Amino acid sequence: MGGRLENRARILIDVVKSLKKACGDRFATAVKLNSADFQRGGFDIDDAEQVVKMLGRSADDRTLAREAYFLEFSSKIAKHVSLPIMTTGGICRYGL
């Protein structure tokens, strides 16, 4: 869907590069990236992993599965980049 991943990610990559150029390395840039678009043949976790690579860089298991349901995704992505990774979705309390 939508052509090659490199082409689909181009605007994101260009925006991040432009921000870094304009604001410098001391300015934190965050990107909200879904792990999937839930469309047959669409964007999936492997695509997300590749896009993150293009960009550069305390609860029990039941609670984590319920509250921080993208934690597994962010852990997988974090292995391949030196950028800080943040996760969203379902976090209900401080200290996960």
C-alpha atoms as a PDB file:
ATOM      1  CA  MET A   1       0.000   0.000   0.000  1.00  0.00           C
ATOM      2  CA  GLY A   2       1.314   3.402  -0.885  1.00  0.00           C
ATOM      3  CA  GLY A   3       4.594   2.420  -2.515  1.00  0.00           C
ATOM      4  CA  ARG A   4       8.057   1.903  -1.060  1.00  0.00           C
ATOM      5  CA  LEU A   5       8.507   2.575   2.642  1.00  0.00           C
ATOM      6  CA  GLU A   6      11.391   4.977   1.968  1.00  0.00           C
ATOM      7  CA  ASN A   7       9.054   7.141  -0.112  1.00  0.00           C
ATOM      8  CA  ARG A   8       6.237   6.979   2.439  1.00  0.00           C
ATOM      9  CA  ALA A   9       8.623   7.961   5.257  1.00  0.00           C
ATOM     10  CA  ARG A  10      10.305  10.759   3.304  1.00  0.00           C
ATOM     11  CA  ILE A  11       8.194  13.638   4.654  1.00  0.00           C
ATOM     12  CA  LEU A  12       8.764  12.507   8.250  1.00  0.00           C
ATOM     13  CA  ILE A  13      12.510  12.156   7.715  1.00  0.00           C
ATOM     14  CA  ASP A  14      12.693  15.550   5.982  1.00  0.00           C
ATOM     15  CA  VAL A  15      10.740  17.276   8.770  1.00  0.00           C
ATOM     16  CA  VAL A  16      12.937  15.777  11.505  1.00  0.00           C
ATOM     17  CA  LYS A  17      16.123  16.725   9.622  1.00  0.00           C
ATOM     18  CA  SER A  18      14.830  20.269   9.104  1.00  0.00           C
ATOM     19  CA  LEU A  19      13.950  20.606  12.782  1.00  0.00           C
ATOM     20  CA  LYS A  20      17.386  19.403  13.850  1.00  0.00           C
ATOM     21  CA  LYS A  21      19.062  21.764  11.415  1.00  0.00           C
ATOM     22  CA  ALA A  22      16.977  24.753  12.523  1.00  0.00           C
ATOM     23  CA  CYS A  23      16.986  24.047  16.269  1.00  0.00           C
ATOM     24  CA  GLY A  24      20.277  22.248  16.884  1.00  0.00           C
ATOM     25  CA  ASP A  25      21.086  19.032  18.702  1.00  0.00           C
ATOM     26  CA  ARG A  26      20.099  20.385  22.122  1.00  0.00           C
ATOM     27  CA  PHE A  27      16.449  20.664  21.050  1.00  0.00           C
ATOM     28  CA  ALA A  28      14.479  17.489  21.735  1.00  0.00           C
ATOM     29  CA  THR A  29      12.428  16.245  18.819  1.00  0.00           C
ATOM     30  CA  ALA A  30       9.707  13.662  19.413  1.00  0.00           C
ATOM     31  CA  VAL A  31       7.944  11.572  16.797  1.00  0.00           C
ATOM     32  CA  LYS A  32       4.645   9.784  17.346  1.00  0.00           C
ATOM     33  CA  LEU A  33       4.795   6.638  15.239  1.00  0.00           C
ATOM     34  CA  ASN A  34       2.157   3.918  15.259  1.00  0.00           C
ATOM     35  CA  SER A  35       3.236   0.310  15.373  1.00  0.00           C
ATOM     36  CA  ALA A  36       0.618  -0.625  12.771  1.00  0.00           C
ATOM     37  CA  ASP A  37      -2.231   0.867  10.768  1.00  0.00           C
ATOM     38  CA  PHE A  38      -4.246  -2.363  11.030  1.00  0.00           C
ATOM     39  CA  GLN A  39      -4.889  -2.494   7.286  1.00  0.00           C
ATOM     40  CA  ARG A  40      -4.252  -5.657   5.286  1.00  0.00           C
ATOM     41  CA  GLY A  41      -0.868  -5.164   3.619  1.00  0.00           C
ATOM     42  CA  GLY A  42      -0.413  -1.835   5.409  1.00  0.00           C
ATOM     43  CA  PHE A  43       2.095  -0.398   7.875  1.00  0.00           C
ATOM     44  CA  ASP A  44       3.217  -2.930  10.485  1.00  0.00           C
ATOM     45  CA  ILE A  45       5.785  -3.300  13.284  1.00  0.00           C
ATOM     46  CA  ASP A  46       8.553  -4.231  10.828  1.00  0.00           C
ATOM     47  CA  ASP A  47       7.870  -1.050   8.844  1.00  0.00           C
ATOM     48  CA  ALA A  48       7.895   0.962  12.081  1.00  0.00           C
ATOM     49  CA  GLU A  49      11.245  -0.584  12.983  1.00  0.00           C
ATOM     50  CA  GLN A  50      12.679   0.445   9.633  1.00  0.00           C
ATOM     51  CA  VAL A  51      11.344   4.012   9.940  1.00  0.00           C
ATOM     52  CA  VAL A  52      12.885   4.351  13.412  1.00  0.00           C
ATOM     53  CA  LYS A  53      16.200   3.174  11.982  1.00  0.00           C
ATOM     54  CA  MET A  54      15.821   5.833   9.289  1.00  0.00           C
ATOM     55  CA  LEU A  55      15.358   8.443  12.012  1.00  0.00           C
ATOM     56  CA  GLY A  56      18.669   7.488  13.646  1.00  0.00           C
ATOM     57  CA  ARG A  57      17.942   6.091  16.735  1.00  0.00           C
ATOM     58  CA  SER A  58       7.650  -1.388  37.539  1.00  0.00           C
ATOM     59  CA  ALA A  59       4.627  -3.327  37.174  1.00  0.00           C
ATOM     60  CA  ASP A  60       3.816  -6.983  36.737  1.00  0.00           C
ATOM     61  CA  ASP A  61       3.292  -8.474  33.282  1.00  0.00           C
ATOM     62  CA  ARG A  62      -0.499  -8.299  33.498  1.00  0.00           C
ATOM     63  CA  THR A  63      -0.407  -4.599  34.373  1.00  0.00           C
ATOM     64  CA  LEU A  64       2.085  -3.855  31.614  1.00  0.00           C
ATOM     65  CA  ALA A  65      -0.016  -5.761  29.090  1.00  0.00           C
ATOM     66  CA  ARG A  66      -3.111  -3.826  30.133  1.00  0.00           C
ATOM     67  CA  GLU A  67      -1.637  -0.364  30.696  1.00  0.00           C
ATOM     68  CA  ALA A  68       1.474  -0.052  28.543  1.00  0.00           C
ATOM     69  CA  TYR A  69       0.457  -2.112  25.575  1.00  0.00           C
ATOM     70  CA  PHE A  70       3.098  -0.654  23.250  1.00  0.00           C
ATOM     71  CA  LEU A  71       5.957  -1.481  25.630  1.00  0.00           C
ATOM     72  CA  GLU A  72       6.938  -4.610  23.681  1.00  0.00           C
ATOM     73  CA  PHE A  73       6.945  -2.589  20.453  1.00  0.00           C
ATOM     74  CA  SER A  74       9.106   0.177  21.937  1.00  0.00           C
ATOM     75  CA  SER A  75      11.520  -2.354  23.465  1.00  0.00           C
ATOM     76  CA  LYS A  76      12.015  -3.996  20.071  1.00  0.00           C
ATOM     77  CA  ILE A  77      12.586  -0.633  18.366  1.00  0.00           C
ATOM     78  CA  ALA A  78      14.956   0.610  21.106  1.00  0.00           C
ATOM     79  CA  LYS A  79      17.393  -2.220  20.376  1.00  0.00           C
ATOM     80  CA  HIS A  80      18.202  -0.688  16.993  1.00  0.00           C
ATOM     81  CA  VAL A  81      18.644   3.021  17.729  1.00  0.00           C
ATOM     82  CA  SER A  82      20.444   5.334  20.109  1.00  0.00           C
ATOM     83  CA  LEU A  83      17.442   7.683  20.342  1.00  0.00           C
ATOM     84  CA  PRO A  84      15.261   7.812  23.448  1.00  0.00           C
ATOM     85  CA  ILE A  85      12.046   5.874  22.870  1.00  0.00           C
ATOM     86  CA  MET A  86       8.742   6.866  24.496  1.00  0.00           C
ATOM     87  CA  THR A  87       5.570   4.833  24.455  1.00  0.00           C
ATOM     88  CA  THR A  88       1.957   5.977  24.592  1.00  0.00           C
ATOM     89  CA  GLY A  89      -1.344   4.273  25.060  1.00  0.00           C
ATOM     90  CA  GLY A  90      -3.025   3.059  28.200  1.00  0.00           C
ATOM     91  CA  ILE A  91      -0.514   4.374  30.737  1.00  0.00           C
ATOM     92  CA  CYS A  92      -2.676   5.114  33.757  1.00  0.00           C
ATOM     93  CA  ARG A  93      -0.198   5.748  36.564  1.00  0.00           C
ATOM     94  CA  TYR A  94       3.291   6.981  37.299  1.00  0.00           C
ATOM     95  CA  GLY A  95       6.071   4.478  37.825  1.00  0.00           C
ATOM     96  CA  LEU A  96       5.598   1.867  35.150  1.00  0.00           C
END
